[in-house]
C-alpha atoms as a PDB file:
ATOM      1  CA  MET A   1      23.569  72.051  32.631  1.00  0.00           C
ATOM      2  CA  GLN A   2      26.655  69.827  32.339  1.00  0.00           C
ATOM      3  CA  ASN A   3      27.631  68.245  29.054  1.00  0.00           C
ATOM      4  CA  HIS A   4      26.858  64.547  29.609  1.00  0.00           C
ATOM      5  CA  LYS A   5      29.736  63.481  27.351  1.00  0.00           C
ATOM      6  CA  ASN A   6      32.180  65.085  29.771  1.00  0.00           C
ATOM      7  CA  CYS A   7      30.508  63.745  32.898  1.00  0.00           C
ATOM      8  CA  TYR A   8      32.333  60.539  33.702  1.00  0.00           C
ATOM      9  CA  GLU A   9      30.659  58.394  36.322  1.00  0.00           C
ATOM     10  CA  ASN A  10      32.372  55.500  38.063  1.00  0.00           C
ATOM     11  CA  VAL A  11      30.706  52.109  37.562  1.00  0.00           C
ATOM     12  CA  TRP A  12      31.669  49.061  39.598  1.00  0.00           C
ATOM     13  CA  ILE A  13      30.888  45.675  38.029  1.00  0.00           C
ATOM     14  CA  LEU A  14      31.189  42.437  39.992  1.00  0.00           C
ATOM     15  CA  SER A  15      30.926  39.511  37.650  1.00  0.00           C
ATOM     16  CA  GLY A  16      32.460  36.411  36.152  1.00  0.00           C
ATOM     17  CA  THR A  17      33.829  36.164  32.642  1.00  0.00           C
ATOM     18  CA  SER A  18      30.459  35.618  30.953  1.00  0.00           C
ATOM     19  CA  ASP A  19      28.758  38.967  31.571  1.00  0.00           C
ATOM     20  CA  GLY A  20      31.418  41.245  33.059  1.00  0.00           C
ATOM     21  CA  PRO A  21      33.468  41.928  29.894  1.00  0.00           C
ATOM     22  CA  ALA A  22      30.347  42.571  27.792  1.00  0.00           C
ATOM     23  CA  LEU A  23      28.925  45.021  30.334  1.00  0.00           C
ATOM     24  CA  ALA A  24      32.289  46.732  30.821  1.00  0.00           C
ATOM     25  CA  ASN A  25      32.709  47.291  27.076  1.00  0.00           C
ATOM     26  CA  LYS A  26      29.294  48.921  26.804  1.00  0.00           C
ATOM     27  CA  PHE A  27      30.087  51.410  29.569  1.00  0.00           C
ATOM     28  CA  LEU A  28      33.597  52.094  28.272  1.00  0.00           C
ATOM     29  CA  GLU A  29      32.142  52.959  24.869  1.00  0.00           C
ATOM     30  CA  LEU A  30      30.063  55.616  26.655  1.00  0.00           C
ATOM     31  CA  ASN A  31      33.163  57.046  28.398  1.00  0.00           C
ATOM     32  CA  TYR A  32      32.371  55.722  31.862  1.00  0.00           C
ATOM     33  CA  THR A  33      35.190  54.774  34.178  1.00  0.00           C
ATOM     34  CA  VAL A  34      34.748  51.086  34.989  1.00  0.00           C
ATOM     35  CA  PHE A  35      36.002  49.090  37.963  1.00  0.00           C
ATOM     36  CA  ALA A  36      35.661  45.345  37.383  1.00  0.00           C
ATOM     37  CA  SER A  37      36.040  42.920  40.278  1.00  0.00           C
ATOM     38  CA  VAL A  38      37.219  39.402  39.442  1.00  0.00           C
ATOM     39  CA  VAL A  39      38.272  36.528  41.680  1.00  0.00           C
ATOM     40  CA  THR A  40      41.425  35.504  39.790  1.00  0.00           C
ATOM     41  CA  HIS A  41      44.035  37.116  37.511  1.00  0.00           C
ATOM     42  CA  ARG A  42      43.008  34.632  34.847  1.00  0.00           C
ATOM     43  CA  ALA A  43      39.440  35.984  34.879  1.00  0.00           C
ATOM     44  CA  GLY A  44      40.812  39.497  34.400  1.00  0.00           C
ATOM     45  CA  ASN A  45      42.356  38.431  31.088  1.00  0.00           C
ATOM     46  CA  ALA A  46      38.854  38.175  29.614  1.00  0.00           C
ATOM     47  CA  TYR A  47      38.589  41.985  29.684  1.00  0.00           C
ATOM     48  CA  LEU A  48      39.949  44.201  26.910  1.00  0.00           C
ATOM     49  CA  LYS A  49      42.684  46.623  27.945  1.00  0.00           C
ATOM     50  CA  ASN A  50      41.449  50.173  28.301  1.00  0.00           C
ATOM     51  CA  PRO A  51      42.879  53.146  30.263  1.00  0.00           C
ATOM     52  CA  LYS A  52      39.467  53.731  31.836  1.00  0.00           C
ATOM     53  CA  LEU A  53      39.120  50.111  32.977  1.00  0.00           C
ATOM     54  CA  HIS A  54      40.469  49.079  36.384  1.00  0.00           C
ATOM     55  CA  ILE A  55      40.626  45.348  37.156  1.00  0.00           C
ATOM     56  CA  ILE A  56      40.324  44.500  40.857  1.00  0.00           C
ATOM     57  CA  THR A  57      41.438  40.969  41.722  1.00  0.00           C
ATOM     58  CA  GLY A  58      40.505  39.039  44.858  1.00  0.00           C
ATOM     59  CA  LYS A  59      37.594  38.548  47.202  1.00  0.00           C
ATOM     60  CA  LEU A  60      36.044  41.327  49.275  1.00  0.00           C
ATOM     61  CA  SER A  61      35.865  40.108  52.844  1.00  0.00           C
ATOM     62  CA  ASP A  62      32.771  41.850  54.225  1.00  0.00           C
ATOM     63  CA  THR A  63      30.355  44.786  54.008  1.00  0.00           C
ATOM     64  CA  ASP A  64      32.888  47.212  55.505  1.00  0.00           C
ATOM     65  CA  ALA A  65      35.364  46.392  52.732  1.00  0.00           C
ATOM     66  CA  ILE A  66      32.653  46.986  50.147  1.00  0.00           C
ATOM     67  CA  ILE A  67      31.651  50.328  51.676  1.00  0.00           C
ATOM     68  CA  ASN A  68      35.295  51.433  51.826  1.00  0.00           C
ATOM     69  CA  PHE A  69      35.799  50.514  48.167  1.00  0.00           C
ATOM     70  CA  ILE A  70      32.696  52.419  47.066  1.00  0.00           C
ATOM     71  CA  THR A  71      33.683  55.495  49.071  1.00  0.00           C
ATOM     72  CA  LYS A  72      37.379  55.494  48.123  1.00  0.00           C
ATOM     73  CA  ASN A  73      36.707  55.138  44.395  1.00  0.00           C
ATOM     74  CA  LYS A  74      33.654  57.419  44.318  1.00  0.00           C
ATOM     75  CA  ILE A  75      31.483  54.698  42.823  1.00  0.00           C
ATOM     76  CA  GLN A  76      28.150  55.960  41.532  1.00  0.00           C
ATOM     77  CA  PHE A  77      26.668  52.699  40.282  1.00  0.00           C
ATOM     78  CA  VAL A  78      27.187  49.193  41.701  1.00  0.00           C
ATOM     79  CA  ILE A  79      26.311  46.265  39.434  1.00  0.00           C
ATOM     80  CA  ASP A  80      25.976  42.773  40.871  1.00  0.00           C
ATOM     81  CA  ALA A  81      26.367  40.368  37.944  1.00  0.00           C
ATOM     82  CA  THR A  82      27.880  37.585  40.024  1.00  0.00           C
ATOM     83  CA  HIS A  83      27.029  33.907  39.727  1.00  0.00           C
ATOM     84  CA  PRO A  84      23.459  33.165  40.942  1.00  0.00           C
ATOM     85  CA  PHE A  85      24.899  30.848  43.605  1.00  0.00           C
ATOM     86  CA  ALA A  86      27.447  33.385  44.899  1.00  0.00           C
ATOM     87  CA  LEU A  87      25.166  34.149  47.820  1.00  0.00           C
ATOM     88  CA  ILE A  88      27.684  35.632  50.256  1.00  0.00           C
ATOM     89  CA  ILE A  89      28.981  38.412  48.012  1.00  0.00           C
ATOM     90  CA  SER A  90      25.455  39.255  46.821  1.00  0.00           C
ATOM     91  CA  GLN A  91      24.184  39.486  50.393  1.00  0.00           C
ATOM     92  CA  ASN A  92      27.174  41.635  51.422  1.00  0.00           C
ATOM     93  CA  LEU A  93      26.650  43.959  48.452  1.00  0.00           C
ATOM     94  CA  HIS A  94      22.971  44.248  49.288  1.00  0.00           C
ATOM     95  CA  GLU A  95      23.697  45.112  52.924  1.00  0.00           C
ATOM     96  CA  ALA A  96      26.537  47.539  52.121  1.00  0.00           C
ATOM     97  CA  CYS A  97      24.530  49.491  49.549  1.00  0.00           C
ATOM     98  CA  LYS A  98      21.583  49.632  51.916  1.00  0.00           C
ATOM     99  CA  LEU A  99      23.746  51.057  54.714  1.00  0.00           C
ATOM    100  CA  ILE A 100      25.103  53.901  52.562  1.00  0.00           C
ATOM    101  CA  ASN A 101      21.903  54.407  50.566  1.00  0.00           C
ATOM    102  CA  LYS A 102      23.563  53.447  47.301  1.00  0.00           C
ATOM    103  CA  PRO A 103      21.347  51.817  44.650  1.00  0.00           C
ATOM    104  CA  LEU A 104      22.347  48.253  43.761  1.00  0.00           C
ATOM    105  CA  LEU A 105      21.696  47.169  40.181  1.00  0.00           C
ATOM    106  CA  VAL A 106      21.415  43.425  39.747  1.00  0.00           C
ATOM    107  CA  PHE A 107      21.982  41.673  36.444  1.00  0.00           C
ATOM    108  CA  GLU A 108      20.601  38.149  36.145  1.00  0.00           C
ATOM    109  CA  ARG A 109      20.644  35.775  33.224  1.00  0.00           C
ATOM    110  CA  LYS A 110      16.997  35.063  32.580  1.00  0.00           C
ATOM    111  CA  PRO A 111      16.449  31.320  32.942  1.00  0.00           C
ATOM    112  CA  SER A 112      15.578  29.640  29.657  1.00  0.00           C
ATOM    113  CA  ILE A 113      12.528  27.442  30.097  1.00  0.00           C
ATOM    114  CA  ARG A 114      12.799  24.601  27.614  1.00  0.00           C
ATOM    115  CA  LYS A 115      10.541  21.582  27.725  1.00  0.00           C
ATOM    116  CA  ASN A 116      12.657  18.473  27.856  1.00  0.00           C
ATOM    117  CA  ASN A 117      11.693  15.120  29.275  1.00  0.00           C
ATOM    118  CA  ASN A 118      15.340  14.487  30.182  1.00  0.00           C
ATOM    119  CA  LEU A 119      15.616  17.621  32.308  1.00  0.00           C
ATOM    120  CA  ASN A 120      14.791  17.561  36.023  1.00  0.00           C
ATOM    121  CA  TYR A 121      14.905  20.444  38.502  1.00  0.00           C
ATOM    122  CA  ILE A 122      16.096  19.632  42.018  1.00  0.00           C
ATOM    123  CA  SER A 123      16.427  21.746  45.146  1.00  0.00           C
ATOM    124  CA  SER A 124      20.003  20.913  46.177  1.00  0.00           C
ATOM    125  CA  LEU A 125      23.214  19.209  45.069  1.00  0.00           C
ATOM    126  CA  LYS A 126      22.054  16.074  46.889  1.00  0.00           C
ATOM    127  CA  GLY A 127      18.621  16.206  45.334  1.00  0.00           C
ATOM    128  CA  ILE A 128      18.798  13.301  42.880  1.00  0.00           C
ATOM    129  CA  LYS A 129      16.245  11.007  44.456  1.00  0.00           C
ATOM    130  CA  ASN A 130      13.752   8.305  43.521  1.00  0.00           C
ATOM    131  CA  VAL A 131      16.046   6.969  40.799  1.00  0.00           C
ATOM    132  CA  ASP A 132      18.323   3.954  40.736  1.00  0.00           C
ATOM    133  CA  LEU A 133      21.896   5.140  41.385  1.00  0.00           C
ATOM    134  CA  GLU A 134      23.565   1.726  41.626  1.00  0.00           C
ATOM    135  CA  ASN A 135      26.371   1.563  39.006  1.00  0.00           C
ATOM    136  CA  LYS A 136      25.078   4.717  37.298  1.00  0.00           C
ATOM    137  CA  ASN A 137      27.665   7.094  35.838  1.00  0.00           C
ATOM    138  CA  ILE A 138      27.111  10.597  37.198  1.00  0.00           C
ATOM    139  CA  LEU A 139      28.987  13.601  35.833  1.00  0.00           C
ATOM    140  CA  LEU A 140      29.299  16.518  38.265  1.00  0.00           C
ATOM    141  CA  ALA A 141      29.558  19.910  36.565  1.00  0.00           C
ATOM    142  CA  ILE A 142      29.090  21.916  39.741  1.00  0.00           C
ATOM    143  CA  GLY A 143      32.431  23.621  40.243  1.00  0.00           C
ATOM    144  CA  SER A 144      34.953  22.521  42.833  1.00  0.00           C
ATOM    145  CA  ARG A 145      33.750  24.023  46.114  1.00  0.00           C
ATOM    146  CA  PHE A 146      31.294  21.243  47.036  1.00  0.00           C
ATOM    147  CA  LEU A 147      32.734  18.616  44.729  1.00  0.00           C
ATOM    148  CA  ASP A 148      34.113  16.157  47.292  1.00  0.00           C
ATOM    149  CA  GLU A 149      31.074  16.339  49.579  1.00  0.00           C
ATOM    150  CA  THR A 150      28.647  15.847  46.686  1.00  0.00           C
ATOM    151  CA  ALA A 151      30.660  13.023  45.154  1.00  0.00           C
ATOM    152  CA  SER A 152      30.887  11.210  48.501  1.00  0.00           C
ATOM    153  CA  TYR A 153      27.127  11.395  48.880  1.00  0.00           C
ATOM    154  CA  TYR A 154      26.384   9.699  45.554  1.00  0.00           C
ATOM    155  CA  ILE A 155      29.221   7.196  45.881  1.00  0.00           C
ATOM    156  CA  SER A 156      27.521   5.975  49.060  1.00  0.00           C
ATOM    157  CA  PHE A 157      24.590   4.887  46.836  1.00  0.00           C
ATOM    158  CA  GLY A 158      26.866   2.869  44.571  1.00  0.00           C
ATOM    159  CA  ALA A 159      27.181   5.410  41.759  1.00  0.00           C
ATOM    160  CA  ASN A 160      30.316   5.987  39.684  1.00  0.00           C
ATOM    161  CA  LEU A 161      31.366   9.635  39.844  1.00  0.00           C
ATOM    162  CA  PHE A 162      33.009  11.774  37.168  1.00  0.00           C
ATOM    163  CA  THR A 163      33.652  15.502  36.960  1.00  0.00           C
ATOM    164  CA  ARG A 164      34.574  18.338  34.629  1.00  0.00           C
ATOM    165  CA  VAL A 165      36.418  21.234  36.283  1.00  0.00           C
ATOM    166  CA  LEU A 166      37.884  24.501  35.056  1.00  0.00           C
ATOM    167  CA  PRO A 167      41.642  24.786  34.437  1.00  0.00           C
ATOM    168  CA  THR A 168      42.393  26.833  37.547  1.00  0.00           C
ATOM    169  CA  HIS A 169      44.755  25.952  40.368  1.00  0.00           C
ATOM    170  CA  GLU A 170      41.949  25.861  42.951  1.00  0.00           C
ATOM    171  CA  SER A 171      39.621  23.714  40.824  1.00  0.00           C
ATOM    172  CA  ILE A 172      42.325  21.236  39.848  1.00  0.00           C
ATOM    173  CA  SER A 173      43.597  20.910  43.428  1.00  0.00           C
ATOM    174  CA  LYS A 174      40.128  20.285  44.837  1.00  0.00           C
ATOM    175  CA  ALA A 175      39.245  17.833  42.091  1.00  0.00           C
ATOM    176  CA  PHE A 176      42.333  15.669  42.558  1.00  0.00           C
ATOM    177  CA  GLY A 177      41.971  15.995  46.322  1.00  0.00           C
ATOM    178  CA  SER A 178      38.406  14.682  46.191  1.00  0.00           C
ATOM    179  CA  CYS A 179      37.141  11.108  46.404  1.00  0.00           C
ATOM    180  CA  ILE A 180      36.681  10.970  42.624  1.00  0.00           C
ATOM    181  CA  LYS A 181      39.140   8.717  40.792  1.00  0.00           C
ATOM    182  CA  ASN A 182      41.870  10.646  38.971  1.00  0.00           C
ATOM    183  CA  SER A 183      40.951   8.907  35.711  1.00  0.00           C
ATOM    184  CA  ASN A 184      37.402  10.257  36.084  1.00  0.00           C
ATOM    185  CA  ILE A 185      38.474  13.924  36.148  1.00  0.00           C
ATOM    186  CA  ALA A 186      38.487  16.145  33.046  1.00  0.00           C
ATOM    187  CA  ILE A 187      39.971  19.623  32.986  1.00  0.00           C
ATOM    188  CA  LEU A 188      38.502  21.880  30.315  1.00  0.00           C
ATOM    189  CA  GLU A 189      36.784  25.152  29.570  1.00  0.00           C
ATOM    190  CA  PRO A 190      33.059  25.028  28.775  1.00  0.00           C
ATOM    191  CA  SER A 191      32.459  24.961  25.016  1.00  0.00           C
ATOM    192  CA  LYS A 192      31.253  28.270  23.595  1.00  0.00           C
ATOM    193  CA  THR A 193      29.953  27.102  20.240  1.00  0.00           C
ATOM    194  CA  LYS A 194      26.985  24.881  19.409  1.00  0.00           C
ATOM    195  CA  GLU A 195      28.918  23.092  16.676  1.00  0.00           C
ATOM    196  CA  SER A 196      31.745  21.740  18.810  1.00  0.00           C
ATOM    197  CA  LEU A 197      30.847  20.435  22.243  1.00  0.00           C
ATOM    198  CA  LEU A 198      33.756  18.763  24.011  1.00  0.00           C
ATOM    199  CA  GLU A 199      31.360  17.887  26.809  1.00  0.00           C
ATOM    200  CA  LYS A 200      29.377  15.689  24.433  1.00  0.00           C
ATOM    201  CA  THR A 201      32.515  13.707  23.546  1.00  0.00           C
ATOM    202  CA  LEU A 202      33.296  13.406  27.253  1.00  0.00           C
ATOM    203  CA  CYS A 203      29.829  12.061  28.052  1.00  0.00           C
ATOM    204  CA  ASP A 204      30.029   9.519  25.240  1.00  0.00           C
ATOM    205  CA  PHE A 205      33.496   8.371  26.298  1.00  0.00           C
ATOM    206  CA  TRP A 206      32.474   7.935  29.937  1.00  0.00           C
ATOM    207  CA  ARG A 207      28.993   6.595  29.066  1.00  0.00           C
ATOM    208  CA  ILE A 208      27.342   9.112  31.364  1.00  0.00           C
ATOM    209  CA  ASP A 209      23.812   8.410  32.618  1.00  0.00           C
ATOM    210  CA  TYR A 210      23.162  11.548  34.682  1.00  0.00           C
ATOM    211  CA  VAL A 211      24.622  15.068  34.583  1.00  0.00           C
ATOM    212  CA  LEU A 212      24.348  17.308  37.635  1.00  0.00           C
ATOM    213  CA  CYS A 213      24.830  21.064  37.324  1.00  0.00           C
ATOM    214  CA  ARG A 214      23.416  24.300  38.678  1.00  0.00           C
ATOM    215  CA  GLU A 215      20.848  26.590  37.067  1.00  0.00           C
ATOM    216  CA  SER A 216      23.187  29.480  36.289  1.00  0.00           C
ATOM    217  CA  GLY A 217      21.805  30.489  32.903  1.00  0.00           C
ATOM    218  CA  SER A 218      25.348  30.372  31.517  1.00  0.00           C
ATOM    219  CA  TYR A 219      26.506  28.868  28.248  1.00  0.00           C
ATOM    220  CA  SER A 220      27.763  25.916  30.302  1.00  0.00           C
ATOM    221  CA  GLN A 221      24.226  25.097  31.414  1.00  0.00           C
ATOM    222  CA  LYS A 222      22.925  25.576  27.885  1.00  0.00           C
ATOM    223  CA  ASN A 223      25.571  23.149  26.635  1.00  0.00           C
ATOM    224  CA  TRP A 224      24.324  20.436  28.967  1.00  0.00           C
ATOM    225  CA  GLU A 225      20.745  21.068  27.881  1.00  0.00           C
ATOM    226  CA  ARG A 226      21.761  20.623  24.237  1.00  0.00           C
ATOM    227  CA  ILE A 227      23.756  17.480  24.986  1.00  0.00           C
ATOM    228  CA  ILE A 228      21.022  15.597  26.838  1.00  0.00           C
ATOM    229  CA  PHE A 229      18.227  16.684  24.467  1.00  0.00           C
ATOM    230  CA  GLY A 230      17.080  13.598  22.580  1.00  0.00           C
ATOM    231  CA  SER A 231      19.618  11.375  24.321  1.00  0.00           C
ATOM    232  CA  ASN A 232      19.289   8.680  26.969  1.00  0.00           C
ATOM    233  CA  MET A 233      21.008  10.880  29.551  1.00  0.00           C
ATOM    234  CA  LYS A 234      19.207  12.885  32.202  1.00  0.00           C
ATOM    235  CA  LEU A 235      20.151  16.369  33.353  1.00  0.00           C
ATOM    236  CA  PHE A 236      19.521  17.378  36.970  1.00  0.00           C
ATOM    237  CA  LEU A 237      19.541  21.159  37.450  1.00  0.00           C
ATOM    238  CA  VAL A 238      19.836  22.608  40.944  1.00  0.00           C
ATOM    239  CA  LYS A 239      17.370  25.498  41.082  1.00  0.00           C
ATOM    240  CA  ARG A 240      18.955  28.888  41.595  1.00  0.00           C
ATOM    241  CA  PRO A 241      18.319  30.447  45.019  1.00  0.00           C
ATOM    242  CA  GLU A 242      15.763  33.208  45.251  1.00  0.00           C
ATOM    243  CA  LEU A 243      17.077  36.464  46.689  1.00  0.00           C
ATOM    244  CA  LYS A 244      14.929  39.409  47.703  1.00  0.00           C
ATOM    245  CA  TYR A 245      16.408  42.697  46.473  1.00  0.00           C
ATOM    246  CA  ASN A 246      14.254  45.256  48.219  1.00  0.00           C
ATOM    247  CA  ASN A 247      16.768  48.052  47.589  1.00  0.00           C
ATOM    248  CA  SER A 248      17.804  46.871  44.143  1.00  0.00           C
ATOM    249  CA  SER A 249      16.680  46.938  40.531  1.00  0.00           C
ATOM    250  CA  VAL A 250      16.934  43.674  38.595  1.00  0.00           C
ATOM    251  CA  PHE A 251      17.760  43.579  34.867  1.00  0.00           C
ATOM    252  CA  TYR A 252      17.851  40.696  32.405  1.00  0.00           C
ATOM    253  CA  HIS A 253      19.378  42.447  29.372  1.00  0.00           C
ATOM    254  CA  TYR A 254      22.634  44.404  29.047  1.00  0.00           C
ATOM    255  CA  ASP A 255      21.131  47.293  27.099  1.00  0.00           C
ATOM    256  CA  THR A 256      18.260  47.760  29.551  1.00  0.00           C
ATOM    257  CA  LEU A 257      20.714  48.070  32.435  1.00  0.00           C
ATOM    258  CA  VAL A 258      22.972  50.473  30.529  1.00  0.00           C
ATOM    259  CA  ASP A 259      20.003  52.599  29.446  1.00  0.00           C
ATOM    260  CA  HIS A 260      18.817  52.791  33.052  1.00  0.00           C
ATOM    261  CA  ILE A 261      22.148  54.236  34.170  1.00  0.00           C
ATOM    262  CA  THR A 262      22.497  56.662  31.271  1.00  0.00           C
ATOM    263  CA  ARG A 263      18.985  57.978  31.946  1.00  0.00           C
ATOM    264  CA  LYS A 264      19.929  58.503  35.581  1.00  0.00           C
ATOM    265  CA  ASN A 265      22.920  60.550  34.465  1.00  0.00           C
ATOM    266  CA  LEU A 266      20.895  62.627  32.025  1.00  0.00           C
ATOM    267  CA  ILE A 267      18.381  63.494  34.762  1.00  0.00           C
ATOM    268  CA  SER A 268      21.182  64.468  37.179  1.00  0.00           C
ATOM    269  CA  ASP A 269      22.718  66.735  34.509  1.00  0.00           C
ATOM    270  CA  LEU A 270      19.533  68.778  34.138  1.00  0.00           C
END
């Protein structure tokens, strides 16, 4: 039987900056070799430096690229902890792992169900309906990819559009290239403490009526829930898409996922 402490397995984590660093640290503490895929160099800075941690920057184009990466780096465990709305990469990971019979472990932030009369679930970014939009101030906290299209839609109903985007080159370029007025664009990181919410100050300054964001389960979403609770504002949450992982295991807690992998290793060492 092999000594488990000397059996280093390669783990590949695909995630943003919320869950990726936390998961990576847990595996590094157990002497795993960790590959962490991030979209930008800036996202890679959220990870602690470690000789057993390899940061991979950039997007993987298709299933073939994923299979080649898994094979080349002798990946034993693939963890999909990407954003719930990152459908393309999740679907490609699912297909690639299925083709090479590699188990895919999915980490999802469990949605927090909180009763709030100011919170409304909608099915799409254009799902704010049956409410008066004329001269209403709508804050879009949806990222930059669909920002211009979404803003144009609500402007056509007479609404005033505002947005908060991340301080990245892509987000800033798309925001200032959109139909939203430059004076209605804020560039800031989501607040990470309950005590100091810059978003709350922003909403008060702009006199926001409605906030639109996606159900990601992130601290950004939780911030908006705190801000609108007990206020006159309304929060519209776009429901996360439902994916069927028929060759995957889904986890909602870091330790449960880590324990699953370590148990797999212990069984293989017997």
